[in-house]
C-alpha atoms as a PDB file:
ATOM      1  CA  MET A   1      74.759  69.045  93.472  1.00  0.00           C
ATOM      2  CA  ALA A   2      73.394  71.830  91.114  1.00  0.00           C
ATOM      3  CA  ASN A   3      76.399  74.046  90.989  1.00  0.00           C
ATOM      4  CA  LYS A   4      79.339  72.209  90.244  1.00  0.00           C
ATOM      5  CA  GLU A   5      81.509  75.606  89.926  1.00  0.00           C
ATOM      6  CA  ILE A   6      82.259  78.268  92.324  1.00  0.00           C
ATOM      7  CA  THR A   7      83.844  81.607  90.999  1.00  0.00           C
ATOM      8  CA  VAL A   8      86.168  83.207  93.639  1.00  0.00           C
ATOM      9  CA  LYS A   9      87.530  86.703  93.381  1.00  0.00           C
ATOM     10  CA  LEU A  10      90.219  88.156  95.353  1.00  0.00           C
ATOM     11  CA  VAL A  11      88.701  91.514  96.876  1.00  0.00           C
ATOM     12  CA  LYS A  12      91.431  92.129  99.875  1.00  0.00           C
ATOM     13  CA  SER A  13      95.232  91.842 100.028  1.00  0.00           C
ATOM     14  CA  VAL A  14      96.904  88.926 101.717  1.00  0.00           C
ATOM     15  CA  ILE A  15      99.515  91.770 103.250  1.00  0.00           C
ATOM     16  CA  GLY A  16      99.355  90.967 106.966  1.00  0.00           C
ATOM     17  CA  CYS A  17      97.557  87.613 106.702  1.00  0.00           C
ATOM     18  CA  ASN A  18      99.574  84.424 108.125  1.00  0.00           C
ATOM     19  CA  GLU A  19     101.714  82.120 105.783  1.00  0.00           C
ATOM     20  CA  LYS A  20      98.833  79.398 105.681  1.00  0.00           C
ATOM     21  CA  GLN A  21      96.298  81.958 104.903  1.00  0.00           C
ATOM     22  CA  LYS A  22      98.544  83.144 101.916  1.00  0.00           C
ATOM     23  CA  ALA A  23      98.904  79.626 100.828  1.00  0.00           C
ATOM     24  CA  ASN A  24      95.179  78.850 100.573  1.00  0.00           C
ATOM     25  CA  VAL A  25      94.693  82.001  98.525  1.00  0.00           C
ATOM     26  CA  ARG A  26      97.343  80.775  96.151  1.00  0.00           C
ATOM     27  CA  GLY A  27      96.358  77.206  96.414  1.00  0.00           C
ATOM     28  CA  LEU A  28      92.985  78.640  95.029  1.00  0.00           C
ATOM     29  CA  GLY A  29      94.819  80.096  91.942  1.00  0.00           C
ATOM     30  CA  LEU A  30      94.610  83.812  92.896  1.00  0.00           C
ATOM     31  CA  ARG A  31      97.401  86.284  92.787  1.00  0.00           C
ATOM     32  CA  LYS A  32      96.690  89.860  92.595  1.00  0.00           C
ATOM     33  CA  ILE A  33      93.446  91.528  93.782  1.00  0.00           C
ATOM     34  CA  ARG A  34      90.481  91.541  91.446  1.00  0.00           C
ATOM     35  CA  SER A  35      91.754  88.253  90.272  1.00  0.00           C
ATOM     36  CA  GLU A  36      88.775  85.610  89.759  1.00  0.00           C
ATOM     37  CA  ARG A  37      89.033  81.656  89.236  1.00  0.00           C
ATOM     38  CA  THR A  38      86.184  79.377  88.472  1.00  0.00           C
ATOM     39  CA  LEU A  39      86.734  76.153  90.752  1.00  0.00           C
ATOM     40  CA  GLU A  40      85.097  72.683  91.175  1.00  0.00           C
ATOM     41  CA  ASN A  41      82.656  72.598  93.992  1.00  0.00           C
ATOM     42  CA  THR A  42      84.576  70.126  96.174  1.00  0.00           C
ATOM     43  CA  PRO A  43      84.620  69.529  99.942  1.00  0.00           C
ATOM     44  CA  SER A  44      88.653  70.495  99.624  1.00  0.00           C
ATOM     45  CA  VAL A  45      88.052  73.714  97.716  1.00  0.00           C
ATOM     46  CA  ARG A  46      85.080  74.929 100.110  1.00  0.00           C
ATOM     47  CA  GLY A  47      87.450  73.953 103.004  1.00  0.00           C
ATOM     48  CA  MET A  48      90.031  76.436 101.473  1.00  0.00           C
ATOM     49  CA  ILE A  49      87.693  79.064 100.837  1.00  0.00           C
ATOM     50  CA  LYS A  50      86.203  79.013 104.454  1.00  0.00           C
ATOM     51  CA  LYS A  51      89.869  79.612 105.573  1.00  0.00           C
ATOM     52  CA  VAL A  52      90.111  82.803 103.916  1.00  0.00           C
ATOM     53  CA  ILE A  53      86.586  83.932 103.217  1.00  0.00           C
ATOM     54  CA  HIS A  54      87.043  87.243 104.730  1.00  0.00           C
ATOM     55  CA  LEU A  55      89.292  87.930 101.761  1.00  0.00           C
ATOM     56  CA  LEU A  56      87.058  86.950  98.978  1.00  0.00           C
ATOM     57  CA  GLU A  57      83.852  87.393  97.086  1.00  0.00           C
ATOM     58  CA  ILE A  58      82.005  84.425  96.129  1.00  0.00           C
ATOM     59  CA  LYS A  59      79.685  84.246  93.004  1.00  0.00           C
END
């Protein structure tokens, strides 16, 4: 695995999302719009990102 880290940025609001999606965003460590986190590239993190990909920007 070449990239061991993924940087995610919250670009859309979680208002109007269901509770599971809000929990995934919080689980990724994102709080406010434009907040960024660098996370390990693991299957569990990729699965969480996939659930809320429409709210995020991936670097």
